[in-house]
């Protein structure tokens, strides 16, 4: 379930974390940093609940697609190469 940070949401004077599409209030924070931290925790909990990738694929973070955050699924054999490249270049 995607979420977003929104100012001026009903029932929140600060930075609200709301569900996209329904604008249901999930949390209200006094800073944007705290709201984004809650959003990261929500995304992490969603990943733990279900494997969003097809068989033979693993998730290696998130990517933006069509303006939305979606799981970045890569073939399992590619993940090892991706991790090695990040360590070497990072």
Protein backbone atom coordinates (compact mmCIF):
# COMPACT_ATOMS: atom_id res chain seq x y z
CA UNK A 1 0.00 0.00 0.00
CA UNK A 2 1.63 3.29 -1.03
CA UNK A 3 1.71 6.25 1.34
CA UNK A 4 2.68 9.90 0.99
CA UNK A 5 3.50 12.88 3.21
CA UNK A 6 0.95 15.68 2.97
CA UNK A 7 0.56 19.05 4.68
CA UNK A 8 -2.90 20.35 5.45
CA UNK A 9 -4.57 16.95 5.74
CA UNK A 10 -7.81 16.83 7.72
CA UNK A 11 -7.11 16.10 11.38
CA UNK A 12 -3.40 16.99 11.23
CA UNK A 13 -1.81 20.40 11.75
CA UNK A 14 1.69 19.23 10.78
CA UNK A 15 2.95 16.65 8.32
CA UNK A 16 0.50 13.82 7.75
CA UNK A 17 1.26 10.36 6.43
CA UNK A 18 -1.74 9.33 4.33
CA UNK A 19 -2.66 6.38 2.12
CA UNK A 20 -2.56 7.29 -1.56
CA UNK A 21 -5.94 7.13 -3.23
CA UNK A 22 -8.01 7.21 -0.04
CA UNK A 23 -6.12 9.96 1.86
CA UNK A 24 -6.74 7.99 5.06
CA UNK A 25 -4.66 9.50 7.87
CA UNK A 26 -2.04 7.04 9.12
CA UNK A 27 0.10 9.40 11.24
CA UNK A 28 0.62 13.05 12.11
CA UNK A 29 4.06 14.54 12.85
CA UNK A 30 5.56 17.92 13.71
CA UNK A 31 8.35 17.53 11.12
CA UNK A 32 8.62 16.21 7.59
CA UNK A 33 11.63 14.11 8.65
CA UNK A 34 9.56 12.22 11.22
CA UNK A 35 6.75 11.69 8.72
CA UNK A 36 9.19 10.28 6.15
CA UNK A 37 10.65 7.98 8.82
CA UNK A 38 7.19 6.57 9.49
CA UNK A 39 6.66 6.11 5.75
CA UNK A 40 9.93 4.15 5.47
CA UNK A 41 8.84 1.94 8.37
CA UNK A 42 5.47 1.32 6.70
CA UNK A 43 7.14 0.31 3.42
CA UNK A 44 9.55 -1.99 5.28
CA UNK A 45 6.69 -3.70 7.10
CA UNK A 46 4.87 -4.30 3.81
CA UNK A 47 7.95 -6.00 2.37
CA UNK A 48 8.20 -8.27 5.40
CA UNK A 49 4.54 -9.31 5.06
CA UNK A 50 4.79 -10.63 1.53
CA UNK A 51 7.43 -11.23 -1.08
CA UNK A 52 6.45 -8.81 -3.85
CA UNK A 53 8.62 -10.51 -6.49
CA UNK A 54 8.00 -13.44 -8.82
CA UNK A 55 9.61 -16.83 -8.25
CA UNK A 56 13.31 -16.68 -9.07
CA UNK A 57 13.47 -12.93 -8.31
CA UNK A 58 14.50 -11.01 -5.21
CA UNK A 59 13.85 -7.47 -4.07
CA UNK A 60 16.87 -5.15 -3.89
CA UNK A 61 15.18 -1.96 -2.71
CA UNK A 62 12.64 0.37 -4.27
CA UNK A 63 12.40 2.25 -7.56
CA UNK A 64 10.07 4.91 -8.94
CA UNK A 65 7.79 3.84 -11.77
CA UNK A 66 5.07 6.06 -13.12
CA UNK A 67 5.43 8.40 -10.13
CA UNK A 68 4.93 5.58 -7.61
CA UNK A 69 7.37 3.64 -5.45
CA UNK A 70 7.50 -0.03 -6.46
CA UNK A 71 9.73 -2.97 -5.47
CA UNK A 72 12.92 -3.36 -7.53
CA UNK A 73 12.91 -7.08 -8.34
CA UNK A 74 15.93 -8.64 -10.05
CA UNK A 75 16.77 -12.25 -10.95
CA UNK A 76 18.42 -14.01 -7.99
CA UNK A 77 21.69 -14.52 -9.88
CA UNK A 78 21.82 -10.79 -10.73
CA UNK A 79 21.46 -9.76 -7.08
CA UNK A 80 24.94 -11.09 -6.26
CA UNK A 81 26.44 -9.09 -9.11
CA UNK A 82 24.46 -6.00 -8.09
CA UNK A 83 25.69 -6.26 -4.47
CA UNK A 84 29.30 -6.77 -5.59
CA UNK A 85 29.14 -3.77 -7.94
CA UNK A 86 27.72 -1.55 -5.21
CA UNK A 87 30.50 -2.51 -2.80
CA UNK A 88 33.18 -2.01 -5.44
CA UNK A 89 31.86 1.38 -6.63
CA UNK A 90 30.50 2.62 -3.28
